[in-house]
């Protein structure tokens, strides 16, 4: 047998020790990469769908909370009790609703385009073409007093698309269902939530209502159309994922049904575009073994670039997820800042009602004006930097209302007049701390509210504001934990949401807002808290602070 030449030996060595292992490793790598990418896509799409559902829940929960007092409004109660045949009185009440109630709703919620009302007696306010009140609808709303109806218009080229939600109206005398309020909402908030980049080049998001009709689809022609029977049969559980075959290949479908809104978020991703050319490369590699030396480097380099791109996509997806989480956290903080404690609000209304029952009294007018001022202040921009004077006026209104409940309540305010226009802060910075004194210092311990004392003192680098009470304070251990967190937790940890130490988040929210917006040393310190009361120091910047506006904009 003729010996092999050096060239033949090198060729044989190359094939045996390089080509074959390379092909084998390439095949295994390609297979595992495809499987890993598909699993990653499913995971991140599940996270995306869940996050979008949470955002929809937050949006409609705000709508529900902002409209929950409307069915009990005196004008609406008069409307549902009127006989529609009484044309004159019906005209008068409709005019009052249009002049007094509608502008107030439109001021609070810019996304509410209009609203309509329908009474069981046949009364109609607004466009009756959108709604037909019958007993079946009333029975459904009785089970779900707040319902998302879905899309109104189906001719998008002529009439803009709107989403409607309904609230049931109960008669405040018989406590029986007496009518329905239908709110017409702009599509813009839903479009903003649904307009996200999915994991995959040709992926997209759809939103389906409780009646299995599309509220949102990239193809506007499908808005308001029902899901196919085949697709509906696969959405049998509150959440899940499955693979669907189509003319363009396999698609991974991930869906999640909201328990609150009953809306279904569906993410569709093409597996073909997800994995790119990895499957084709595996086949080509097996067929061109004869020229593997030349093509191996090209294929490997191409695979490496593809992996790099996919890693970047995953990284960007994570960054967007974190950004969305921060926006959600900021929205939650704004919501907390813009709320007045319902416990306080209900007690105030109870006092007003008691005064009204007893006799006509100036106290009723006084309390009503102050409560209106509180609510008006509440709807202001919580990220706007204001002067100390505005917040002190707000706190004074709050204290004067509390003094109607607690006749022996003392209120002391010792702040130099000139400092009221020199010190800067955000809305609802001091009032939550004062409210915390009533709730945790007095009421939770069954003690009468006897005193709130606010004292200011100017320092070179900051202005110190002290809020004190005579209630029962916290334990030394908890006081130490609060102060340690106030001093040691960094701004990044606040942004990451890693601090979950406290059940009373009011103090922590105020401190985080000041520290994130203005930096150290601004924020809270618990100076004293024992059986004789609590004293909390708030360090605030002067309005002329050099980086005030820049830090406020960056962290707001």
Protein backbone atom coordinates (compact mmCIF):
# COMPACT_ATOMS: atom_id res chain seq x y z
CA UNK A 1 0.00 0.00 0.00
CA UNK A 2 1.38 3.32 -1.04
CA UNK A 3 2.18 5.60 1.91
CA UNK A 4 0.11 8.76 2.29
CA UNK A 5 1.72 12.01 1.35
CA UNK A 6 2.17 14.84 3.81
CA UNK A 7 -0.63 16.76 2.11
CA UNK A 8 -2.96 13.80 2.35
CA UNK A 9 -2.03 13.24 5.99
CA UNK A 10 -2.69 16.90 6.81
CA UNK A 11 -5.98 16.68 5.00
CA UNK A 12 -6.91 13.55 6.89
CA UNK A 13 -5.83 15.05 10.23
CA UNK A 14 -7.80 18.16 9.46
CA UNK A 15 -10.93 16.18 8.66
CA UNK A 16 -10.62 13.85 11.64
CA UNK A 17 -9.40 16.26 14.31
CA UNK A 18 -10.99 19.50 13.14
CA UNK A 19 -13.81 19.09 10.64
CA UNK A 20 -15.72 16.30 12.34
CA UNK A 21 -15.43 17.71 15.86
CA UNK A 22 -16.26 21.11 14.53
CA UNK A 23 -19.35 19.80 12.73
CA UNK A 24 -20.44 17.87 15.80
CA UNK A 25 -19.86 20.80 18.14
CA UNK A 26 -21.53 23.16 15.67
CA UNK A 27 -24.58 20.92 15.43
CA UNK A 28 -24.89 20.60 19.22
CA UNK A 29 -24.29 24.31 19.75
CA UNK A 30 -26.89 25.24 17.14
CA UNK A 31 -29.48 22.91 18.64
CA UNK A 32 -28.95 24.15 22.20
CA UNK A 33 -28.86 27.79 21.11
CA UNK A 34 -32.16 27.43 19.31
CA UNK A 35 -33.76 25.79 22.35
CA UNK A 36 -32.33 28.36 24.77
CA UNK A 37 -33.44 31.31 22.65
CA UNK A 38 -36.96 29.92 22.37
CA UNK A 39 -37.13 29.40 26.15
CA UNK A 40 -35.77 32.92 26.77
CA UNK A 41 -38.33 34.37 24.38
CA UNK A 42 -41.16 32.61 26.20
CA UNK A 43 -39.92 33.79 29.58
CA UNK A 44 -39.43 37.44 28.62
CA UNK A 45 -42.73 37.57 26.74
CA UNK A 46 -44.47 36.21 29.84
CA UNK A 47 -42.85 38.98 31.88
CA UNK A 48 -43.82 41.55 29.25
CA UNK A 49 -47.46 40.41 29.14
CA UNK A 50 -47.71 40.39 32.94
CA UNK A 51 -46.22 43.89 33.14
CA UNK A 52 -48.62 45.25 30.51
CA UNK A 53 -51.56 43.70 32.35
CA UNK A 54 -50.39 45.37 35.57
CA UNK A 55 -50.26 48.71 33.76
CA UNK A 56 -53.79 48.22 32.41
CA UNK A 57 -54.96 47.26 35.91
CA UNK A 58 -53.41 50.44 37.32
CA UNK A 59 -55.02 52.60 34.62
CA UNK A 60 -58.56 51.22 34.99
CA UNK A 61 -58.21 51.09 38.78
CA UNK A 62 -57.52 54.84 38.69
CA UNK A 63 -60.65 55.31 36.52
CA UNK A 64 -62.66 53.25 39.02
CA UNK A 65 -61.36 55.17 42.04
CA UNK A 66 -61.81 58.60 40.41
CA UNK A 67 -65.46 57.83 39.50
CA UNK A 68 -66.54 55.82 42.55
CA UNK A 69 -68.32 58.75 44.23
CA UNK A 70 -70.16 59.86 41.08
CA UNK A 71 -73.23 57.49 41.32
CA UNK A 72 -74.04 58.95 44.75
CA UNK A 73 -73.90 62.57 43.56
CA UNK A 74 -77.17 64.43 44.39
CA UNK A 75 -77.72 65.47 40.76
CA UNK A 76 -77.40 61.90 39.50
CA UNK A 77 -79.66 60.62 42.28
CA UNK A 78 -82.27 63.18 41.21
CA UNK A 79 -81.88 62.11 37.56
CA UNK A 80 -82.55 58.39 38.19
CA UNK A 81 -85.61 59.18 40.32
CA UNK A 82 -87.24 61.47 37.74
CA UNK A 83 -90.04 60.31 35.47
CA UNK A 84 -88.74 60.78 31.87
CA UNK A 85 -92.19 62.02 30.89
CA UNK A 86 -91.71 65.08 33.12
CA UNK A 87 -89.96 67.00 30.35
CA UNK A 88 -89.39 70.25 32.21
CA UNK A 89 -87.77 68.79 35.34
CA UNK A 90 -85.80 66.34 33.18
CA UNK A 91 -84.49 69.27 31.09
CA UNK A 92 -83.53 71.21 34.23
CA UNK A 93 -81.62 68.34 35.83
CA UNK A 94 -79.81 67.51 32.57
CA UNK A 95 -78.76 71.14 32.23
CA UNK A 96 -77.40 71.18 35.80
CA UNK A 97 -75.49 67.97 35.17
CA UNK A 98 -73.98 69.46 31.99
CA UNK A 99 -73.11 72.78 33.66
CA UNK A 100 -71.96 71.61 37.11
CA UNK A 101 -70.93 67.96 37.01
CA UNK A 102 -69.51 67.39 33.56
CA UNK A 103 -66.80 70.13 33.71
CA UNK A 104 -65.60 68.77 37.07
CA UNK A 105 -65.21 65.25 35.64
CA UNK A 106 -63.46 66.56 32.55
CA UNK A 107 -61.07 68.61 34.74
CA UNK A 108 -60.05 65.59 36.81
CA UNK A 109 -59.76 63.07 33.94
CA UNK A 110 -58.66 64.42 30.57
CA UNK A 111 -58.99 60.92 29.09
CA UNK A 112 -62.76 60.85 29.74
CA UNK A 113 -64.29 62.17 26.49
CA UNK A 114 -67.89 62.10 27.69
CA UNK A 115 -70.32 60.15 29.81
CA UNK A 116 -73.90 59.00 29.39
CA UNK A 117 -76.55 57.95 31.89
CA UNK A 118 -79.50 55.65 31.59
CA UNK A 119 -82.10 55.11 34.30
CA UNK A 120 -84.26 52.05 34.79
CA UNK A 121 -87.25 54.38 34.42
CA UNK A 122 -86.17 55.21 30.86
CA UNK A 123 -84.33 58.47 31.41
CA UNK A 124 -81.40 59.15 29.06
CA UNK A 125 -78.54 61.64 29.43
CA UNK A 126 -76.16 61.82 26.47
CA UNK A 127 -76.11 59.69 23.34
CA UNK A 128 -78.53 56.78 23.77
CA UNK A 129 -77.22 55.08 20.65
CA UNK A 130 -74.22 53.72 22.55
CA UNK A 131 -76.15 51.84 25.19
CA UNK A 132 -79.42 49.96 25.62
CA UNK A 133 -80.38 49.52 29.28
CA UNK A 134 -82.29 46.31 29.96
CA UNK A 135 -82.62 44.06 33.00
CA UNK A 136 -79.96 41.66 31.73
CA UNK A 137 -77.36 44.43 31.64
CA UNK A 138 -78.41 45.68 35.09
CA UNK A 139 -78.08 42.15 36.50
CA UNK A 140 -74.61 41.82 34.97
CA UNK A 141 -73.45 45.15 36.36
CA UNK A 142 -74.90 44.29 39.76
CA UNK A 143 -72.36 41.48 39.92
CA UNK A 144 -69.62 43.75 38.57
CA UNK A 145 -70.43 47.35 39.51
CA UNK A 146 -67.50 48.52 37.34
CA UNK A 147 -67.33 46.92 33.88
CA UNK A 148 -65.14 47.51 30.82
CA UNK A 149 -67.46 47.30 27.79
CA UNK A 150 -64.93 47.47 24.97
CA UNK A 151 -64.67 49.45 21.72
CA UNK A 152 -67.52 51.79 20.72
CA UNK A 153 -66.99 52.64 17.04
CA UNK A 154 -66.09 50.19 14.27
CA UNK A 155 -65.64 52.73 11.45
CA UNK A 156 -62.21 54.05 12.37
CA UNK A 157 -61.76 56.10 9.16
CA UNK A 158 -64.78 58.28 10.04
CA UNK A 159 -65.26 58.10 13.82
CA UNK A 160 -62.35 57.84 16.32
CA UNK A 161 -62.22 54.68 18.39
CA UNK A 162 -63.20 54.90 22.06
CA UNK A 163 -63.37 52.48 24.96
CA UNK A 164 -66.33 52.55 27.31
CA UNK A 165 -66.65 51.53 30.95
CA UNK A 166 -69.85 51.32 32.99
CA UNK A 167 -70.75 51.96 36.61
CA UNK A 168 -74.02 50.84 38.20
CA UNK A 169 -76.12 53.50 39.98
CA UNK A 170 -77.92 52.46 43.15
CA UNK A 171 -80.91 54.40 44.46
CA UNK A 172 -79.75 55.90 47.78
CA UNK A 173 -83.20 55.32 49.28
CA UNK A 174 -84.17 51.82 48.10
CA UNK A 175 -80.55 50.61 47.53
CA UNK A 176 -81.77 48.95 44.33
CA UNK A 177 -80.06 49.23 40.90
CA UNK A 178 -81.56 52.32 39.30
CA UNK A 179 -79.37 53.13 36.32
CA UNK A 180 -76.01 53.02 34.60
CA UNK A 181 -73.27 55.57 33.91
CA UNK A 182 -71.25 54.89 30.76
CA UNK A 183 -67.86 56.68 30.48
CA UNK A 184 -66.32 57.12 27.02
CA UNK A 185 -62.50 56.98 27.22
CA UNK A 186 -59.82 57.92 24.73
CA UNK A 187 -57.83 55.07 23.20
CA UNK A 188 -54.53 56.93 23.70
CA UNK A 189 -53.65 55.41 27.14
CA UNK A 190 -54.30 51.87 25.84
CA UNK A 191 -52.30 52.52 22.67
CA UNK A 192 -49.42 53.86 24.76
CA UNK A 193 -49.39 50.70 26.91
CA UNK A 194 -49.72 48.31 23.94
CA UNK A 195 -47.06 50.07 21.83
CA UNK A 196 -44.06 48.13 23.13
CA UNK A 197 -41.31 46.16 21.45
CA UNK A 198 -41.80 42.42 21.85
CA UNK A 199 -39.07 39.78 21.92
CA UNK A 200 -38.71 39.01 18.21
CA UNK A 201 -38.55 40.99 14.96
CA UNK A 202 -42.17 40.47 13.90
CA UNK A 203 -43.85 40.04 17.28
CA UNK A 204 -46.80 42.12 18.36
CA UNK A 205 -49.26 42.65 21.23
CA UNK A 206 -53.06 42.43 21.16
CA UNK A 207 -55.67 43.28 23.82
CA UNK A 208 -58.97 41.38 24.05
CA UNK A 209 -61.96 42.35 26.22
CA UNK A 210 -64.16 40.11 28.40
CA UNK A 211 -66.49 39.49 25.44
CA UNK A 212 -63.53 38.09 23.44
CA UNK A 213 -63.36 41.05 21.06
CA UNK A 214 -60.22 42.89 20.04
CA UNK A 215 -59.79 46.24 21.78
CA UNK A 216 -56.34 46.64 20.25
CA UNK A 217 -54.62 44.92 17.32
CA UNK A 218 -51.83 46.22 15.03
CA UNK A 219 -54.35 45.76 12.21
CA UNK A 220 -57.05 48.37 12.96
CA UNK A 221 -59.53 46.47 10.81
CA UNK A 222 -59.72 43.87 13.59
CA UNK A 223 -60.66 46.37 16.33
CA UNK A 224 -64.01 45.28 17.71
CA UNK A 225 -63.87 41.94 15.84
CA UNK A 226 -64.29 38.70 17.84
CA UNK A 227 -61.50 36.15 18.27
CA UNK A 228 -61.67 33.07 16.08
CA UNK A 229 -63.22 29.98 17.63
CA UNK A 230 -59.92 28.15 17.19
CA UNK A 231 -57.94 30.81 19.03
CA UNK A 232 -60.60 31.18 21.74
CA UNK A 233 -60.51 27.45 22.49
CA UNK A 234 -56.80 27.70 23.32
CA UNK A 235 -57.30 30.52 25.86
CA UNK A 236 -58.91 28.22 28.40
CA UNK A 237 -56.94 29.25 31.51
CA UNK A 238 -56.09 32.63 33.13
CA UNK A 239 -52.55 32.48 31.73
CA UNK A 240 -50.37 30.27 29.57
CA UNK A 241 -48.49 29.83 26.31
CA UNK A 242 -48.73 27.57 23.26
CA UNK A 243 -47.29 27.15 19.76
CA UNK A 244 -49.55 27.89 16.81
CA UNK A 245 -48.94 26.86 13.20
CA UNK A 246 -49.62 29.35 10.43
CA UNK A 247 -48.75 29.95 6.78
CA UNK A 248 -45.64 31.86 7.91
CA UNK A 249 -44.44 29.07 10.20
CA UNK A 250 -44.71 28.50 13.93
CA UNK A 251 -45.69 31.25 16.32
CA UNK A 252 -45.29 31.29 20.07
CA UNK A 253 -48.40 32.69 21.79
CA UNK A 254 -48.21 33.97 25.39
CA UNK A 255 -51.35 35.30 27.09
CA UNK A 256 -52.46 36.60 30.48
CA UNK A 257 -55.99 37.41 31.70
CA UNK A 258 -56.37 40.20 34.28
CA UNK A 259 -58.45 39.27 37.30
CA UNK A 260 -59.42 42.93 37.76
CA UNK A 261 -60.20 44.17 34.23
CA UNK A 262 -60.97 40.77 32.61
CA UNK A 263 -58.83 42.00 29.69
CA UNK A 264 -56.52 39.49 27.99
CA UNK A 265 -53.03 40.53 26.81
CA UNK A 266 -51.72 38.31 23.99
CA UNK A 267 -48.13 38.35 22.69
CA UNK A 268 -47.41 36.67 19.35
CA UNK A 269 -43.82 35.96 18.25
CA UNK A 270 -42.70 34.19 15.09
CA UNK A 271 -40.24 31.42 15.98
CA UNK A 272 -38.77 31.62 12.50
CA UNK A 273 -37.70 35.24 12.93
CA UNK A 274 -36.77 34.61 16.54
CA UNK A 275 -34.07 32.05 15.86
CA UNK A 276 -32.92 33.71 12.62
CA UNK A 277 -30.72 31.57 10.37
CA UNK A 278 -29.48 29.11 12.99
CA UNK A 279 -31.49 26.15 11.65
CA UNK A 280 -30.41 26.82 8.04
CA UNK A 281 -26.79 27.11 9.12
CA UNK A 282 -26.93 23.69 10.73
CA UNK A 283 -28.12 22.07 7.47
CA UNK A 284 -25.65 23.99 5.31
CA UNK A 285 -22.78 23.04 7.61
CA UNK A 286 -23.54 19.33 7.15
CA UNK A 287 -23.76 19.66 3.33
CA UNK A 288 -20.57 21.62 2.69
CA UNK A 289 -18.12 19.49 4.69
CA UNK A 290 -15.71 19.50 1.73
CA UNK A 291 -15.07 23.20 2.08
CA UNK A 292 -15.50 23.43 5.85
CA UNK A 293 -12.06 25.00 6.38
CA UNK A 294 -13.10 28.14 4.53
CA UNK A 295 -16.72 28.27 5.59
CA UNK A 296 -16.14 27.34 9.25
CA UNK A 297 -14.71 30.73 10.12
CA UNK A 298 -17.46 32.58 8.24
CA UNK A 299 -20.25 30.51 9.78
CA UNK A 300 -18.77 30.71 13.27
CA UNK A 301 -18.26 34.46 12.98
CA UNK A 302 -21.81 34.87 11.71
CA UNK A 303 -23.16 32.80 14.60
CA UNK A 304 -21.10 34.83 17.04
CA UNK A 305 -22.53 38.06 15.69
CA UNK A 306 -26.04 36.60 15.88
CA UNK A 307 -25.52 35.61 19.51
CA UNK A 308 -24.17 39.07 20.29
CA UNK A 309 -27.24 40.64 18.70
CA UNK A 310 -29.57 38.38 20.68
CA UNK A 311 -27.74 39.15 23.92
CA UNK A 312 -28.11 42.86 23.17
CA UNK A 313 -31.82 42.36 22.52
CA UNK A 314 -32.19 40.56 25.86
CA UNK A 315 -30.15 43.27 27.62
CA UNK A 316 -32.25 46.04 26.08
CA UNK A 317 -35.39 44.15 27.06
CA UNK A 318 -34.19 43.98 30.65
CA UNK A 319 -33.33 47.69 30.66
CA UNK A 320 -36.78 48.53 29.32
CA UNK A 321 -38.33 46.31 31.95
CA UNK A 322 -36.38 48.10 34.68
CA UNK A 323 -37.31 51.49 33.18
CA UNK A 324 -40.99 50.47 33.15
CA UNK A 325 -40.68 49.30 36.75
CA UNK A 326 -39.22 52.69 37.77
CA UNK A 327 -42.01 54.53 35.97
CA UNK A 328 -44.58 52.31 37.69
CA UNK A 329 -42.92 52.93 41.06
CA UNK A 330 -42.92 56.70 40.41
CA UNK A 331 -46.58 56.56 39.39
CA UNK A 332 -47.41 54.65 42.56
CA UNK A 333 -45.52 57.26 44.63
CA UNK A 334 -47.41 60.07 42.88
CA UNK A 335 -50.68 58.28 43.56
CA UNK A 336 -49.75 57.95 47.24
CA UNK A 337 -48.82 61.63 47.38
CA UNK A 338 -52.06 62.69 45.70
CA UNK A 339 -54.36 60.76 48.01
CA UNK A 340 -56.00 62.00 51.17
CA UNK A 341 -56.40 59.26 53.73
CA UNK A 342 -59.94 57.88 53.29
CA UNK A 343 -60.14 57.48 57.07
CA UNK A 344 -59.68 61.23 57.46
CA UNK A 345 -61.98 62.06 54.54
CA UNK A 346 -64.82 59.89 55.83
CA UNK A 347 -64.56 61.36 59.32
CA UNK A 348 -64.61 64.87 57.88
CA UNK A 349 -67.70 64.15 55.82
CA UNK A 350 -69.30 62.61 58.88
CA UNK A 351 -68.74 65.82 60.84
CA UNK A 352 -70.13 67.93 58.00
CA UNK A 353 -73.17 65.69 57.81
CA UNK A 354 -73.71 65.89 61.58
CA UNK A 355 -73.57 69.69 61.49
CA UNK A 356 -76.03 69.75 58.61
CA UNK A 357 -78.49 67.54 60.50
CA UNK A 358 -78.35 69.57 63.72
CA UNK A 359 -78.87 73.04 62.28
CA UNK A 360 -77.64 75.59 59.81
CA UNK A 361 -74.22 76.58 60.96
CA UNK A 362 -71.28 78.53 59.55
CA UNK A 363 -69.08 75.62 60.46
CA UNK A 364 -70.60 73.71 57.56
CA UNK A 365 -69.55 76.36 55.06
CA UNK A 366 -66.13 76.70 56.66
CA UNK A 367 -65.40 72.99 56.63
CA UNK A 368 -66.70 72.59 53.10
CA UNK A 369 -64.46 75.37 51.80
CA UNK A 370 -61.45 73.89 53.56
CA UNK A 371 -62.17 70.43 52.27
CA UNK A 372 -62.51 71.84 48.76
CA UNK A 373 -59.13 73.53 49.17
CA UNK A 374 -57.60 70.25 50.30
CA UNK A 375 -58.96 68.42 47.27
CA UNK A 376 -57.93 71.21 44.90
CA UNK A 377 -54.41 71.15 46.31
CA UNK A 378 -54.37 67.35 45.96
CA UNK A 379 -54.94 67.38 42.20
CA UNK A 380 -51.95 69.68 41.62
CA UNK A 381 -48.75 68.39 40.04
CA UNK A 382 -46.98 66.38 42.80
CA UNK A 383 -43.62 66.81 41.03
CA UNK A 384 -43.82 70.61 40.99
CA UNK A 385 -41.45 72.38 43.35
CA UNK A 386 -43.43 74.87 45.48
CA UNK A 387 -42.80 77.35 48.28
CA UNK A 388 -43.22 76.35 51.90
CA UNK A 389 -46.12 78.80 52.21
CA UNK A 390 -48.39 76.68 49.96
CA UNK A 391 -47.79 73.50 51.94
CA UNK A 392 -48.27 75.29 55.29
CA UNK A 393 -51.60 76.73 54.06
CA UNK A 394 -52.63 73.21 53.07
CA UNK A 395 -51.62 71.79 56.47
CA UNK A 396 -53.45 74.62 58.25
CA UNK A 397 -56.64 73.74 56.36
CA UNK A 398 -56.18 70.11 57.35
CA UNK A 399 -55.62 71.00 61.04
CA UNK A 400 -58.64 73.32 61.15
CA UNK A 401 -60.83 70.51 59.87
CA UNK A 402 -59.40 68.18 62.51
CA UNK A 403 -60.14 70.80 65.16
CA UNK A 404 -63.81 70.42 64.31
CA UNK A 405 -63.45 66.77 65.39
CA UNK A 406 -61.20 67.41 68.35
CA UNK A 407 -62.25 70.59 70.16
CA UNK A 408 -59.27 70.47 72.53
CA UNK A 409 -56.71 70.06 69.75
CA UNK A 410 -53.89 72.59 69.99
CA UNK A 411 -52.04 73.72 66.89
CA UNK A 412 -48.84 75.70 67.12
CA UNK A 413 -46.98 77.10 64.09
CA UNK A 414 -43.68 78.85 64.67
CA UNK A 415 -42.12 79.78 61.31
CA UNK A 416 -40.63 83.12 60.34
CA UNK A 417 -42.83 84.80 57.74
CA UNK A 418 -39.90 85.46 55.40
CA UNK A 419 -38.98 81.75 55.35
CA UNK A 420 -42.34 80.76 53.88
CA UNK A 421 -41.23 82.08 50.48
CA UNK A 422 -37.57 81.02 50.73
CA UNK A 423 -37.91 77.29 51.41
CA UNK A 424 -38.68 74.75 48.65
CA UNK A 425 -40.42 71.38 48.78
CA UNK A 426 -42.95 69.19 46.95
CA UNK A 427 -46.70 69.07 47.49
CA UNK A 428 -47.87 66.76 50.28
CA UNK A 429 -44.54 66.66 52.10
CA UNK A 430 -45.63 67.89 55.55
CA UNK A 431 -49.31 66.85 55.56
CA UNK A 432 -48.64 63.06 55.46
CA UNK A 433 -46.41 63.43 58.54
CA UNK A 434 -49.08 65.44 60.40
CA UNK A 435 -51.68 62.86 59.38
CA UNK A 436 -49.32 60.13 60.60
CA UNK A 437 -49.33 61.81 64.04
CA UNK A 438 -53.13 61.63 64.25
CA UNK A 439 -53.33 58.04 63.08
CA UNK A 440 -50.31 56.38 64.73
CA UNK A 441 -49.71 58.77 67.61
CA UNK A 442 -53.29 59.20 68.84
CA UNK A 443 -56.06 57.17 67.17
CA UNK A 444 -54.36 53.76 67.01
CA UNK A 445 -53.72 53.96 70.76
CA UNK A 446 -57.21 55.23 71.66
CA UNK A 447 -55.84 58.59 72.77
CA UNK A 448 -57.57 61.95 72.22
CA UNK A 449 -55.76 64.21 69.75
CA UNK A 450 -54.40 67.02 71.90
CA UNK A 451 -51.71 68.82 69.98
CA UNK A 452 -49.70 69.27 66.76
CA UNK A 453 -46.66 71.58 66.88
CA UNK A 454 -44.71 72.74 63.83
CA UNK A 455 -41.49 74.71 64.34
CA UNK A 456 -39.00 76.00 61.77
CA UNK A 457 -35.35 76.90 62.15
CA UNK A 458 -32.96 78.26 59.51
CA UNK A 459 -29.48 76.77 59.03
CA UNK A 460 -26.78 77.74 56.60
CA UNK A 461 -27.20 74.75 54.24
CA UNK A 462 -30.79 73.75 54.91
CA UNK A 463 -33.99 74.70 56.65
CA UNK A 464 -35.13 72.49 59.54
CA UNK A 465 -38.85 71.93 60.04
CA UNK A 466 -39.98 69.97 63.13
CA UNK A 467 -43.38 68.27 63.45
CA UNK A 468 -44.22 67.14 67.00
CA UNK A 469 -47.20 65.59 68.79
CA UNK A 470 -48.11 64.39 72.30
CA UNK A 471 -49.26 60.92 71.28
CA UNK A 472 -47.65 57.59 71.95
CA UNK A 473 -44.50 57.06 69.93
CA UNK A 474 -42.75 54.02 68.50
CA UNK A 475 -40.32 51.71 70.26
CA UNK A 476 -36.60 52.67 70.41
CA UNK A 477 -35.80 49.72 68.14
CA UNK A 478 -38.13 50.92 65.37
CA UNK A 479 -36.95 54.50 65.75
CA UNK A 480 -33.36 53.32 65.31
CA UNK A 481 -34.31 51.26 62.23
CA UNK A 482 -36.01 54.24 60.60
CA UNK A 483 -33.11 56.60 61.26
CA UNK A 484 -30.56 54.04 60.10
CA UNK A 485 -32.50 53.57 56.83
CA UNK A 486 -32.89 57.34 56.38
CA UNK A 487 -29.13 57.80 56.63
CA UNK A 488 -27.66 54.64 55.09
CA UNK A 489 -29.91 53.66 52.17
CA UNK A 490 -28.43 55.01 48.94
CA UNK A 491 -30.33 56.69 46.12
CA UNK A 492 -29.72 53.68 43.85
CA UNK A 493 -31.22 51.34 46.44
CA UNK A 494 -34.27 53.60 46.61
CA UNK A 495 -34.62 53.47 42.83
CA UNK A 496 -34.17 49.68 42.80
CA UNK A 497 -36.90 49.27 45.43
CA UNK A 498 -34.72 47.15 47.72
CA UNK A 499 -35.98 48.76 50.94
CA UNK A 500 -38.97 46.81 52.28
CA UNK A 501 -38.49 47.39 56.01
CA UNK A 502 -41.58 49.27 56.99
CA UNK A 503 -45.31 48.70 57.04
CA UNK A 504 -45.88 52.44 57.49
CA UNK A 505 -44.63 53.60 54.12
CA UNK A 506 -45.76 57.23 54.52
CA UNK A 507 -42.58 58.42 56.24
CA UNK A 508 -40.39 56.44 53.85
CA UNK A 509 -42.16 57.85 50.77
CA UNK A 510 -41.67 61.44 51.96
CA UNK A 511 -38.01 60.81 52.78
CA UNK A 512 -37.32 59.02 49.46
CA UNK A 513 -38.95 61.82 47.49
CA UNK A 514 -36.82 64.51 49.15
CA UNK A 515 -33.57 62.50 49.03
CA UNK A 516 -33.99 61.42 45.38
CA UNK A 517 -34.94 64.94 44.28
CA UNK A 518 -32.55 67.11 46.30
CA UNK A 519 -29.86 64.68 47.56
CA UNK A 520 -28.21 64.58 51.00
CA UNK A 521 -28.73 65.86 53.68
CA UNK A 522 -32.37 66.56 52.78
CA UNK A 523 -34.98 64.16 54.14
CA UNK A 524 -36.34 62.96 57.49
CA UNK A 525 -34.91 62.25 60.92
CA UNK A 526 -36.89 61.01 63.93
CA UNK A 527 -35.56 63.20 66.73
CA UNK A 528 -37.66 61.71 69.52
CA UNK A 529 -40.37 59.05 69.85
CA UNK A 530 -41.52 57.73 73.21
CA UNK A 531 -44.54 57.61 75.51
CA UNK A 532 -44.71 61.43 75.62
CA UNK A 533 -44.91 61.89 71.84
CA UNK A 534 -42.97 61.97 68.59
CA UNK A 535 -40.82 64.68 67.00
CA UNK A 536 -39.75 64.41 63.35
CA UNK A 537 -37.29 66.76 61.67
CA UNK A 538 -37.63 67.54 57.94
CA UNK A 539 -34.55 69.00 56.27
CA UNK A 540 -35.58 71.15 53.27
CA UNK A 541 -33.53 73.11 50.71
CA UNK A 542 -33.74 76.82 50.13
CA UNK A 543 -35.41 77.84 46.91
CA UNK A 544 -32.16 79.26 45.56
CA UNK A 545 -30.37 75.89 45.88
CA UNK A 546 -27.99 75.67 42.90
CA UNK A 547 -28.97 72.19 41.59
CA UNK A 548 -32.56 72.25 42.79
CA UNK A 549 -34.38 72.27 39.48
CA UNK A 550 -31.92 69.90 37.75
CA UNK A 551 -32.13 67.16 40.43
CA UNK A 552 -35.89 67.58 40.70
CA UNK A 553 -36.30 67.02 36.95
CA UNK A 554 -33.97 64.06 36.82
CA UNK A 555 -35.58 62.13 39.65
CA UNK A 556 -39.18 63.14 39.17
